[in-house]
Amino acid sequence: MRSFFVFICLLALVFDSSARQDTVLDSGWRFKLGDIRGAEAVNFDDADWLTVSIPHNWGWAQAQDGKDYYRGPGWYRRELDLTPEPGRRYFLRFEAASLFADVL
């Protein structure tokens, strides 16, 4: 009977709704070359920006062809559809961001 109780407790931990959940955010990004003034604003209009999936490298094709490629700043934006729940913590993890990145 004791082992059955332990099994039920372990099962409850595995299916605990407060357990960590991972969401991959690799699609639906908007991208624009350059240092775009005001792009950090929530209501900024990025409708004319390129839609990309990440990982993304804006100079890769030109570099592979031996051509000079843009080496300045670029912007990535993505909307998160999230309603924060009290008592929960949220994290964003970026696995690669080349030489420099600001998250606003």
PDB file of N, CA and C in Angstrom:
ATOM      1  N   MET A   1       0.821  -1.189   0.000  1.00  0.00           N
ATOM      2  CA  MET A   1       0.000   0.000   0.000  1.00  0.00           C
ATOM      3  C   MET A   1       0.873   1.266   0.000  1.00  0.00           C
ATOM      4  N   ARG A   2       1.976   1.217   0.749  1.00  0.00           N
ATOM      5  CA  ARG A   2       2.879   2.377   0.824  1.00  0.00           C
ATOM      6  C   ARG A   2       3.472   2.686  -0.553  1.00  0.00           C
ATOM      7  N   SER A   3       3.884   1.675  -1.297  1.00  0.00           N
ATOM      8  CA  SER A   3       4.480   1.910  -2.613  1.00  0.00           C
ATOM      9  C   SER A   3       3.447   2.497  -3.583  1.00  0.00           C
ATOM     10  N   PHE A   4       2.187   2.093  -3.444  1.00  0.00           N
ATOM     11  CA  PHE A   4       1.138   2.662  -4.281  1.00  0.00           C
ATOM     12  C   PHE A   4       0.965   4.147  -3.974  1.00  0.00           C
ATOM     13  N   PHE A   5       1.016   4.526  -2.718  1.00  0.00           N
ATOM     14  CA  PHE A   5       0.903   5.927  -2.306  1.00  0.00           C
ATOM     15  C   PHE A   5       2.067   6.746  -2.872  1.00  0.00           C
ATOM     16  N   VAL A   6       3.268   6.228  -2.795  1.00  0.00           N
ATOM     17  CA  VAL A   6       4.450   6.904  -3.338  1.00  0.00           C
ATOM     18  C   VAL A   6       4.295   7.079  -4.849  1.00  0.00           C
ATOM     19  N   PHE A   7       3.809   6.047  -5.519  1.00  0.00           N
ATOM     20  CA  PHE A   7       3.591   6.121  -6.967  1.00  0.00           C
ATOM     21  C   PHE A   7       2.591   7.225  -7.312  1.00  0.00           C
ATOM     22  N   ILE A   8       1.506   7.326  -6.591  1.00  0.00           N
ATOM     23  CA  ILE A   8       0.486   8.355  -6.833  1.00  0.00           C
ATOM     24  C   ILE A   8       1.079   9.745  -6.597  1.00  0.00           C
ATOM     25  N   CYS A   9       1.892   9.908  -5.560  1.00  0.00           N
ATOM     26  CA  CYS A   9       2.519  11.211  -5.289  1.00  0.00           C
ATOM     27  C   CYS A   9       3.480  11.598  -6.410  1.00  0.00           C
ATOM     28  N   LEU A  10       4.249  10.658  -6.886  1.00  0.00           N
ATOM     29  CA  LEU A  10       5.165  10.932  -7.994  1.00  0.00           C
ATOM     30  C   LEU A  10       4.400  11.274  -9.265  1.00  0.00           C
ATOM     31  N   LEU A  11       3.326  10.567  -9.508  1.00  0.00           N
ATOM     32  CA  LEU A  11       2.496  10.835 -10.664  1.00  0.00           C
ATOM     33  C   LEU A  11       1.904  12.249 -10.592  1.00  0.00           C
ATOM     34  N   ALA A  12       1.491  12.658  -9.412  1.00  0.00           N
ATOM     35  CA  ALA A  12       0.948  14.004  -9.223  1.00  0.00           C
ATOM     36  C   ALA A  12       2.003  15.062  -9.509  1.00  0.00           C
ATOM     37  N   LEU A  13       3.245  14.807  -9.133  1.00  0.00           N
ATOM     38  CA  LEU A  13       4.325  15.753  -9.410  1.00  0.00           C
ATOM     39  C   LEU A  13       4.597  15.872 -10.909  1.00  0.00           C
ATOM     40  N   VAL A  14       4.541  14.764 -11.602  1.00  0.00           N
ATOM     41  CA  VAL A  14       4.797  14.766 -13.037  1.00  0.00           C
ATOM     42  C   VAL A  14       3.737  15.581 -13.776  1.00  0.00           C
ATOM     43  N   PHE A  15       2.492  15.486 -13.357  1.00  0.00           N
ATOM     44  CA  PHE A  15       1.403  16.171 -14.034  1.00  0.00           C
ATOM     45  C   PHE A  15       0.968  17.445 -13.320  1.00  0.00           C
ATOM     46  N   ASP A  16       1.829  17.983 -12.471  1.00  0.00           N
ATOM     47  CA  ASP A  16       1.544  19.217 -11.746  1.00  0.00           C
ATOM     48  C   ASP A  16       1.421  20.368 -12.752  1.00  0.00           C
ATOM     49  N   SER A  17       0.319  21.106 -12.709  1.00  0.00           N
ATOM     50  CA  SER A  17       0.089  22.192 -13.664  1.00  0.00           C
ATOM     51  C   SER A  17       1.013  23.376 -13.420  1.00  0.00           C
ATOM     52  N   SER A  18       1.654  23.459 -12.272  1.00  0.00           N
ATOM     53  CA  SER A  18       2.570  24.566 -12.005  1.00  0.00           C
ATOM     54  C   SER A  18       3.990  24.239 -12.454  1.00  0.00           C
ATOM     55  N   ALA A  19       4.186  23.073 -13.034  1.00  0.00           N
ATOM     56  CA  ALA A  19       5.516  22.682 -13.493  1.00  0.00           C
ATOM     57  C   ALA A  19       5.967  23.584 -14.643  1.00  0.00           C
ATOM     58  N   ARG A  20       7.234  23.626 -14.845  1.00  0.00           N
ATOM     59  CA  ARG A  20       7.833  24.445 -15.903  1.00  0.00           C
ATOM     60  C   ARG A  20       7.294  24.039 -17.271  1.00  0.00           C
ATOM     61  N   GLN A  21       7.008  25.040 -18.084  1.00  0.00           N
ATOM     62  CA  GLN A  21       6.543  24.820 -19.442  1.00  0.00           C
ATOM     63  C   GLN A  21       7.457  25.577 -20.388  1.00  0.00           C
ATOM     64  N   ASP A  22       7.912  24.942 -21.439  1.00  0.00           N
ATOM     65  CA  ASP A  22       8.746  25.580 -22.443  1.00  0.00           C
ATOM     66  C   ASP A  22       7.930  25.829 -23.694  1.00  0.00           C
ATOM     67  N   THR A  23       8.115  26.998 -24.283  1.00  0.00           N
ATOM     68  CA  THR A  23       7.467  27.351 -25.536  1.00  0.00           C
ATOM     69  C   THR A  23       8.552  27.831 -26.492  1.00  0.00           C
ATOM     70  N   VAL A  24       8.644  27.215 -27.648  1.00  0.00           N
ATOM     71  CA  VAL A  24       9.630  27.613 -28.650  1.00  0.00           C
ATOM     72  C   VAL A  24       9.071  28.797 -29.433  1.00  0.00           C
ATOM     73  N   LEU A  25       9.857  29.862 -29.504  1.00  0.00           N
ATOM     74  CA  LEU A  25       9.428  31.082 -30.181  1.00  0.00           C
ATOM     75  C   LEU A  25      10.286  31.322 -31.425  1.00  0.00           C
ATOM     76  N   ASP A  26      10.365  30.353 -32.299  1.00  0.00           N
ATOM     77  CA  ASP A  26      11.265  30.455 -33.448  1.00  0.00           C
ATOM     78  C   ASP A  26      10.603  30.988 -34.718  1.00  0.00           C
ATOM     79  N   SER A  27       9.319  31.193 -34.714  1.00  0.00           N
ATOM     80  CA  SER A  27       8.643  31.702 -35.916  1.00  0.00           C
ATOM     81  C   SER A  27       7.865  32.968 -35.565  1.00  0.00           C
ATOM     82  N   GLY A  28       7.455  33.676 -36.617  1.00  0.00           N
ATOM     83  CA  GLY A  28       6.649  34.872 -36.412  1.00  0.00           C
ATOM     84  C   GLY A  28       7.440  36.113 -36.032  1.00  0.00           C
ATOM     85  N   TRP A  29       8.726  36.114 -36.270  1.00  0.00           N
ATOM     86  CA  TRP A  29       9.567  37.279 -35.974  1.00  0.00           C
ATOM     87  C   TRP A  29       9.504  38.254 -37.142  1.00  0.00           C
ATOM     88  N   ARG A  30       9.624  39.538 -36.840  1.00  0.00           N
ATOM     89  CA  ARG A  30       9.697  40.600 -37.832  1.00  0.00           C
ATOM     90  C   ARG A  30      11.126  41.132 -37.804  1.00  0.00           C
ATOM     91  N   PHE A  31      11.680  41.425 -38.978  1.00  0.00           N
ATOM     92  CA  PHE A  31      13.081  41.839 -39.058  1.00  0.00           C
ATOM     93  C   PHE A  31      13.260  43.020 -39.991  1.00  0.00           C
ATOM     94  N   LYS A  32      14.185  43.923 -39.601  1.00  0.00           N
ATOM     95  CA  LYS A  32      14.539  45.067 -40.450  1.00  0.00           C
ATOM     96  C   LYS A  32      15.990  45.432 -40.195  1.00  0.00           C
ATOM     97  N   LEU A  33      16.747  45.613 -41.276  1.00  0.00           N
ATOM     98  CA  LEU A  33      18.127  46.081 -41.169  1.00  0.00           C
ATOM     99  C   LEU A  33      18.146  47.538 -40.742  1.00  0.00           C
ATOM    100  N   GLY A  34      19.162  47.903 -39.980  1.00  0.00           N
ATOM    101  CA  GLY A  34      19.352  49.299 -39.601  1.00  0.00           C
ATOM    102  C   GLY A  34      18.988  49.552 -38.158  1.00  0.00           C
ATOM    103  N   ASP A  35      19.322  50.756 -37.711  1.00  0.00           N
ATOM    104  CA  ASP A  35      18.989  51.195 -36.357  1.00  0.00           C
ATOM    105  C   ASP A  35      17.685  51.975 -36.454  1.00  0.00           C
ATOM    106  N   ILE A  36      16.582  51.325 -36.193  1.00  0.00           N
ATOM    107  CA  ILE A  36      15.248  51.881 -36.427  1.00  0.00           C
ATOM    108  C   ILE A  36      14.770  52.665 -35.209  1.00  0.00           C
ATOM    109  N   ARG A  37      14.643  53.955 -35.374  1.00  0.00           N
ATOM    110  CA  ARG A  37      14.211  54.822 -34.267  1.00  0.00           C
ATOM    111  C   ARG A  37      12.778  54.483 -33.841  1.00  0.00           C
ATOM    112  N   GLY A  38      12.587  54.248 -32.548  1.00  0.00           N
ATOM    113  CA  GLY A  38      11.255  53.990 -32.001  1.00  0.00           C
ATOM    114  C   GLY A  38      10.790  52.550 -32.075  1.00  0.00           C
ATOM    115  N   ALA A  39      11.613  51.649 -32.606  1.00  0.00           N
ATOM    116  CA  ALA A  39      11.189  50.253 -32.800  1.00  0.00           C
ATOM    117  C   ALA A  39      10.962  49.509 -31.488  1.00  0.00           C
ATOM    118  N   GLU A  40      11.432  50.052 -30.387  1.00  0.00           N
ATOM    119  CA  GLU A  40      11.220  49.395 -29.095  1.00  0.00           C
ATOM    120  C   GLU A  40       9.814  49.634 -28.535  1.00  0.00           C
ATOM    121  N   ALA A  41       9.055  50.540 -29.117  1.00  0.00           N
ATOM    122  CA  ALA A  41       7.707  50.852 -28.646  1.00  0.00           C
ATOM    123  C   ALA A  41       6.746  49.708 -28.966  1.00  0.00           C
ATOM    124  N   VAL A  42       5.880  49.409 -28.034  1.00  0.00           N
ATOM    125  CA  VAL A  42       4.919  48.315 -28.200  1.00  0.00           C
ATOM    126  C   VAL A  42       4.024  48.536 -29.419  1.00  0.00           C
ATOM    127  N   ASN A  43       3.602  49.777 -29.641  1.00  0.00           N
ATOM    128  CA  ASN A  43       2.671  50.068 -30.733  1.00  0.00           C
ATOM    129  C   ASN A  43       3.384  50.471 -32.026  1.00  0.00           C
ATOM    130  N   PHE A  44       4.672  50.211 -32.149  1.00  0.00           N
ATOM    131  CA  PHE A  44       5.432  50.530 -33.362  1.00  0.00           C
ATOM    132  C   PHE A  44       4.896  49.707 -34.536  1.00  0.00           C
ATOM    133  N   ASP A  45       4.739  50.345 -35.688  1.00  0.00           N
ATOM    134  CA  ASP A  45       4.209  49.658 -36.879  1.00  0.00           C
ATOM    135  C   ASP A  45       5.343  48.975 -37.641  1.00  0.00           C
ATOM    136  N   ASP A  46       5.405  47.652 -37.561  1.00  0.00           N
ATOM    137  CA  ASP A  46       6.434  46.887 -38.268  1.00  0.00           C
ATOM    138  C   ASP A  46       5.836  46.074 -39.424  1.00  0.00           C
ATOM    139  N   ALA A  47       4.699  46.532 -39.945  1.00  0.00           N
ATOM    140  CA  ALA A  47       3.989  45.786 -40.994  1.00  0.00           C
ATOM    141  C   ALA A  47       4.817  45.618 -42.269  1.00  0.00           C
ATOM    142  N   ASP A  48       5.713  46.554 -42.550  1.00  0.00           N
ATOM    143  CA  ASP A  48       6.505  46.444 -43.776  1.00  0.00           C
ATOM    144  C   ASP A  48       7.836  45.711 -43.554  1.00  0.00           C
ATOM    145  N   TRP A  49       8.041  45.176 -42.373  1.00  0.00           N
ATOM    146  CA  TRP A  49       9.270  44.436 -42.069  1.00  0.00           C
ATOM    147  C   TRP A  49       9.161  43.015 -42.620  1.00  0.00           C
ATOM    148  N   LEU A  50      10.305  42.401 -42.853  1.00  0.00           N
ATOM    149  CA  LEU A  50      10.379  41.027 -43.331  1.00  0.00           C
ATOM    150  C   LEU A  50       9.960  40.063 -42.217  1.00  0.00           C
ATOM    151  N   THR A  51       9.163  39.051 -42.530  1.00  0.00           N
ATOM    152  CA  THR A  51       8.807  38.011 -41.561  1.00  0.00           C
ATOM    153  C   THR A  51       9.832  36.891 -41.681  1.00  0.00           C
ATOM    154  N   VAL A  52      10.454  36.533 -40.551  1.00  0.00           N
ATOM    155  CA  VAL A  52      11.508  35.517 -40.552  1.00  0.00           C
ATOM    156  C   VAL A  52      11.298  34.531 -39.411  1.00  0.00           C
ATOM    157  N   SER A  53      11.954  33.403 -39.532  1.00  0.00           N
ATOM    158  CA  SER A  53      12.074  32.432 -38.447  1.00  0.00           C
ATOM    159  C   SER A  53      13.510  32.495 -37.964  1.00  0.00           C
ATOM    160  N   ILE A  54      13.717  32.190 -36.717  1.00  0.00           N
ATOM    161  CA  ILE A  54      15.084  32.194 -36.192  1.00  0.00           C
ATOM    162  C   ILE A  54      15.502  30.763 -35.892  1.00  0.00           C
ATOM    163  N   PRO A  55      16.757  30.440 -36.016  1.00  0.00           N
ATOM    164  CA  PRO A  55      17.861  31.366 -36.225  1.00  0.00           C
ATOM    165  C   PRO A  55      17.833  31.997 -37.608  1.00  0.00           C
ATOM    166  N   HIS A  56      18.290  33.235 -37.673  1.00  0.00           N
ATOM    167  CA  HIS A  56      18.289  34.016 -38.908  1.00  0.00           C
ATOM    168  C   HIS A  56      19.599  34.788 -38.987  1.00  0.00           C
ATOM    169  N   ASN A  57      20.179  34.848 -40.157  1.00  0.00           N
ATOM    170  CA  ASN A  57      21.419  35.586 -40.361  1.00  0.00           C
ATOM    171  C   ASN A  57      21.266  36.414 -41.619  1.00  0.00           C
ATOM    172  N   TRP A  58      21.195  37.724 -41.472  1.00  0.00           N
ATOM    173  CA  TRP A  58      20.874  38.561 -42.614  1.00  0.00           C
ATOM    174  C   TRP A  58      21.988  38.687 -43.645  1.00  0.00           C
ATOM    175  N   GLY A  59      23.229  38.362 -43.329  1.00  0.00           N
ATOM    176  CA  GLY A  59      24.303  38.492 -44.296  1.00  0.00           C
ATOM    177  C   GLY A  59      24.841  37.173 -44.820  1.00  0.00           C
ATOM    178  N   TRP A  60      24.214  36.079 -44.454  1.00  0.00           N
ATOM    179  CA  TRP A  60      24.760  34.760 -44.779  1.00  0.00           C
ATOM    180  C   TRP A  60      24.883  34.520 -46.278  1.00  0.00           C
ATOM    181  N   ALA A  61      23.835  34.786 -47.028  1.00  0.00           N
ATOM    182  CA  ALA A  61      23.848  34.500 -48.471  1.00  0.00           C
ATOM    183  C   ALA A  61      24.924  35.310 -49.190  1.00  0.00           C
ATOM    184  N   GLN A  62      25.058  36.593 -48.843  1.00  0.00           N
ATOM    185  CA  GLN A  62      26.084  37.422 -49.471  1.00  0.00           C
ATOM    186  C   GLN A  62      27.483  36.946 -49.088  1.00  0.00           C
ATOM    187  N   ALA A  63      27.669  36.569 -47.839  1.00  0.00           N
ATOM    188  CA  ALA A  63      28.980  36.089 -47.379  1.00  0.00           C
ATOM    189  C   ALA A  63      29.369  34.798 -48.087  1.00  0.00           C
ATOM    190  N   GLN A  64      28.423  33.898 -48.298  1.00  0.00           N
ATOM    191  CA  GLN A  64      28.712  32.645 -48.988  1.00  0.00           C
ATOM    192  C   GLN A  64      29.118  32.872 -50.447  1.00  0.00           C
ATOM    193  N   ASP A  65      28.619  33.949 -51.024  1.00  0.00           N
ATOM    194  CA  ASP A  65      28.973  34.291 -52.404  1.00  0.00           C
ATOM    195  C   ASP A  65      30.240  35.142 -52.487  1.00  0.00           C
ATOM    196  N   GLY A  66      30.871  35.414 -51.345  1.00  0.00           N
ATOM    197  CA  GLY A  66      32.089  36.221 -51.312  1.00  0.00           C
ATOM    198  C   GLY A  66      31.832  37.704 -51.470  1.00  0.00           C
ATOM    199  N   LYS A  67      30.599  38.123 -51.313  1.00  0.00           N
ATOM    200  CA  LYS A  67      30.242  39.537 -51.456  1.00  0.00           C
ATOM    201  C   LYS A  67      30.314  40.237 -50.102  1.00  0.00           C
ATOM    202  N   ASP A  68      30.461  41.545 -50.165  1.00  0.00           N
ATOM    203  CA  ASP A  68      30.418  42.337 -48.944  1.00  0.00           C
ATOM    204  C   ASP A  68      28.983  42.307 -48.416  1.00  0.00           C
ATOM    205  N   TYR A  69      28.831  42.264 -47.121  1.00  0.00           N
ATOM    206  CA  TYR A  69      27.490  42.215 -46.547  1.00  0.00           C
ATOM    207  C   TYR A  69      27.379  43.213 -45.403  1.00  0.00           C
ATOM    208  N   TYR A  70      26.155  43.589 -45.089  1.00  0.00           N
ATOM    209  CA  TYR A  70      25.853  44.569 -44.053  1.00  0.00           C
ATOM    210  C   TYR A  70      26.310  44.056 -42.695  1.00  0.00           C
ATOM    211  N   ARG A  71      27.021  44.907 -41.936  1.00  0.00           N
ATOM    212  CA  ARG A  71      27.539  44.514 -40.625  1.00  0.00           C
ATOM    213  C   ARG A  71      27.069  45.455 -39.513  1.00  0.00           C
ATOM    214  N   GLY A  72      26.026  46.182 -39.733  1.00  0.00           N
ATOM    215  CA  GLY A  72      25.522  47.112 -38.731  1.00  0.00           C
ATOM    216  C   GLY A  72      24.380  46.523 -37.924  1.00  0.00           C
ATOM    217  N   PRO A  73      23.660  47.393 -37.221  1.00  0.00           N
ATOM    218  CA  PRO A  73      22.537  46.918 -36.390  1.00  0.00           C
ATOM    219  C   PRO A  73      21.349  46.440 -37.212  1.00  0.00           C
ATOM    220  N   GLY A  74      20.556  45.612 -36.593  1.00  0.00           N
ATOM    221  CA  GLY A  74      19.305  45.130 -37.168  1.00  0.00           C
ATOM    222  C   GLY A  74      18.317  44.921 -36.031  1.00  0.00           C
ATOM    223  N   TRP A  75      17.059  44.934 -36.348  1.00  0.00           N
ATOM    224  CA  TRP A  75      16.010  44.772 -35.349  1.00  0.00           C
ATOM    225  C   TRP A  75      15.211  43.509 -35.601  1.00  0.00           C
ATOM    226  N   TYR A  76      14.904  42.804 -34.514  1.00  0.00           N
ATOM    227  CA  TYR A  76      13.956  41.688 -34.519  1.00  0.00           C
ATOM    228  C   TYR A  76      12.850  42.042 -33.543  1.00  0.00           C
ATOM    229  N   ARG A  77      11.622  41.796 -33.936  1.00  0.00           N
ATOM    230  CA  ARG A  77      10.468  42.025 -33.057  1.00  0.00           C
ATOM    231  C   ARG A  77       9.560  40.803 -33.123  1.00  0.00           C
ATOM    232  N   ARG A  78       8.916  40.526 -31.994  1.00  0.00           N
ATOM    233  CA  ARG A  78       7.934  39.443 -31.968  1.00  0.00           C
ATOM    234  C   ARG A  78       6.928  39.754 -30.883  1.00  0.00           C
ATOM    235  N   GLU A  79       5.663  39.536 -31.190  1.00  0.00           N
ATOM    236  CA  GLU A  79       4.607  39.735 -30.205  1.00  0.00           C
ATOM    237  C   GLU A  79       4.433  38.453 -29.401  1.00  0.00           C
ATOM    238  N   LEU A  80       4.311  38.589 -28.089  1.00  0.00           N
ATOM    239  CA  LEU A  80       4.049  37.443 -27.224  1.00  0.00           C
ATOM    240  C   LEU A  80       2.609  37.505 -26.765  1.00  0.00           C
ATOM    241  N   ASP A  81       1.856  36.464 -27.018  1.00  0.00           N
ATOM    242  CA  ASP A  81       0.473  36.378 -26.574  1.00  0.00           C
ATOM    243  C   ASP A  81       0.482  35.683 -25.216  1.00  0.00           C
ATOM    244  N   LEU A  82       0.563  36.487 -24.166  1.00  0.00           N
ATOM    245  CA  LEU A  82       0.755  35.942 -22.830  1.00  0.00           C
ATOM    246  C   LEU A  82      -0.039  36.747 -21.819  1.00  0.00           C
ATOM    247  N   THR A  83      -0.795  36.072 -20.989  1.00  0.00           N
ATOM    248  CA  THR A  83      -1.461  36.707 -19.866  1.00  0.00           C
ATOM    249  C   THR A  83      -0.762  36.214 -18.597  1.00  0.00           C
ATOM    250  N   PRO A  84       0.038  37.077 -17.971  1.00  0.00           N
ATOM    251  CA  PRO A  84       0.794  36.644 -16.786  1.00  0.00           C
ATOM    252  C   PRO A  84      -0.131  36.162 -15.666  1.00  0.00           C
ATOM    253  N   GLU A  85       0.295  35.089 -15.022  1.00  0.00           N
ATOM    254  CA  GLU A  85      -0.451  34.539 -13.893  1.00  0.00           C
ATOM    255  C   GLU A  85       0.264  34.910 -12.607  1.00  0.00           C
ATOM    256  N   PRO A  86      -0.470  35.354 -11.589  1.00  0.00           N
ATOM    257  CA  PRO A  86       0.160  35.698 -10.314  1.00  0.00           C
ATOM    258  C   PRO A  86       0.924  34.506  -9.729  1.00  0.00           C
ATOM    259  N   GLY A  87       2.095  34.782  -9.186  1.00  0.00           N
ATOM    260  CA  GLY A  87       2.886  33.733  -8.561  1.00  0.00           C
ATOM    261  C   GLY A  87       3.744  32.928  -9.517  1.00  0.00           C
ATOM    262  N   ARG A  88       3.658  33.199 -10.813  1.00  0.00           N
ATOM    263  CA  ARG A  88       4.474  32.478 -11.800  1.00  0.00           C
ATOM    264  C   ARG A  88       5.611  33.382 -12.263  1.00  0.00           C
ATOM    265  N   ARG A  89       6.723  32.767 -12.603  1.00  0.00           N
ATOM    266  CA  ARG A  89       7.858  33.502 -13.139  1.00  0.00           C
ATOM    267  C   ARG A  89       8.005  33.154 -14.609  1.00  0.00           C
ATOM    268  N   TYR A  90       8.435  34.124 -15.390  1.00  0.00           N
ATOM    269  CA  TYR A  90       8.587  33.951 -16.820  1.00  0.00           C
ATOM    270  C   TYR A  90      10.016  34.319 -17.219  1.00  0.00           C
ATOM    271  N   PHE A  91      10.599  33.534 -18.095  1.00  0.00           N
ATOM    272  CA  PHE A  91      11.961  33.746 -18.546  1.00  0.00           C
ATOM    273  C   PHE A  91      12.007  33.662 -20.068  1.00  0.00           C
ATOM    274  N   LEU A  92      12.879  34.452 -20.673  1.00  0.00           N
ATOM    275  CA  LEU A  92      13.190  34.322 -22.086  1.00  0.00           C
ATOM    276  C   LEU A  92      14.634  33.863 -22.183  1.00  0.00           C
ATOM    277  N   ARG A  93      14.870  32.828 -22.948  1.00  0.00           N
ATOM    278  CA  ARG A  93      16.230  32.315 -23.119  1.00  0.00           C
ATOM    279  C   ARG A  93      16.587  32.411 -24.599  1.00  0.00           C
ATOM    280  N   PHE A  94      17.690  33.086 -24.858  1.00  0.00           N
ATOM    281  CA  PHE A  94      18.211  33.202 -26.210  1.00  0.00           C
ATOM    282  C   PHE A  94      19.468  32.356 -26.279  1.00  0.00           C
ATOM    283  N   GLU A  95      19.510  31.425 -27.197  1.00  0.00           N
ATOM    284  CA  GLU A  95      20.646  30.513 -27.271  1.00  0.00           C
ATOM    285  C   GLU A  95      21.788  31.075 -28.099  1.00  0.00           C
ATOM    286  N   ALA A  96      21.541  32.080 -28.900  1.00  0.00           N
ATOM    287  CA  ALA A  96      22.611  32.706 -29.675  1.00  0.00           C
ATOM    288  C   ALA A  96      22.146  34.092 -30.101  1.00  0.00           C
ATOM    289  N   ALA A  97      23.045  35.050 -29.997  1.00  0.00           N
ATOM    290  CA  ALA A  97      22.728  36.403 -30.424  1.00  0.00           C
ATOM    291  C   ALA A  97      23.953  37.084 -31.009  1.00  0.00           C
ATOM    292  N   SER A  98      24.817  36.325 -31.647  1.00  0.00           N
ATOM    293  CA  SER A  98      26.018  36.808 -32.324  1.00  0.00           C
ATOM    294  C   SER A  98      26.863  37.664 -31.399  1.00  0.00           C
ATOM    295  N   LEU A  99      27.125  38.902 -31.769  1.00  0.00           N
ATOM    296  CA  LEU A  99      28.095  39.711 -31.042  1.00  0.00           C
ATOM    297  C   LEU A  99      27.482  40.575 -29.939  1.00  0.00           C
ATOM    298  N   PHE A 100      26.274  41.022 -30.125  1.00  0.00           N
ATOM    299  CA  PHE A 100      25.679  41.973 -29.180  1.00  0.00           C
ATOM    300  C   PHE A 100      24.163  41.928 -29.307  1.00  0.00           C
ATOM    301  N   ALA A 101      23.452  42.009 -28.191  1.00  0.00           N
ATOM    302  CA  ALA A 101      21.993  42.015 -28.241  1.00  0.00           C
ATOM    303  C   ALA A 101      21.421  42.779 -27.053  1.00  0.00           C
ATOM    304  N   ASP A 102      20.397  43.554 -27.291  1.00  0.00           N
ATOM    305  CA  ASP A 102      19.603  44.192 -26.249  1.00  0.00           C
ATOM    306  C   ASP A 102      18.207  43.602 -26.346  1.00  0.00           C
ATOM    307  N   VAL A 103      17.612  43.289 -25.213  1.00  0.00           N
ATOM    308  CA  VAL A 103      16.238  42.812 -25.177  1.00  0.00           C
ATOM    309  C   VAL A 103      15.432  43.893 -24.478  1.00  0.00           C
ATOM    310  N   LEU A 104      14.448  44.452 -25.171  1.00  0.00           N
ATOM    311  CA  LEU A 104      13.660  45.551 -24.620  1.00  0.00           C
ATOM    312  C   LEU A 104      12.242  45.127 -24.374  1.00  0.00           C
TER     313      LEU A 104
END
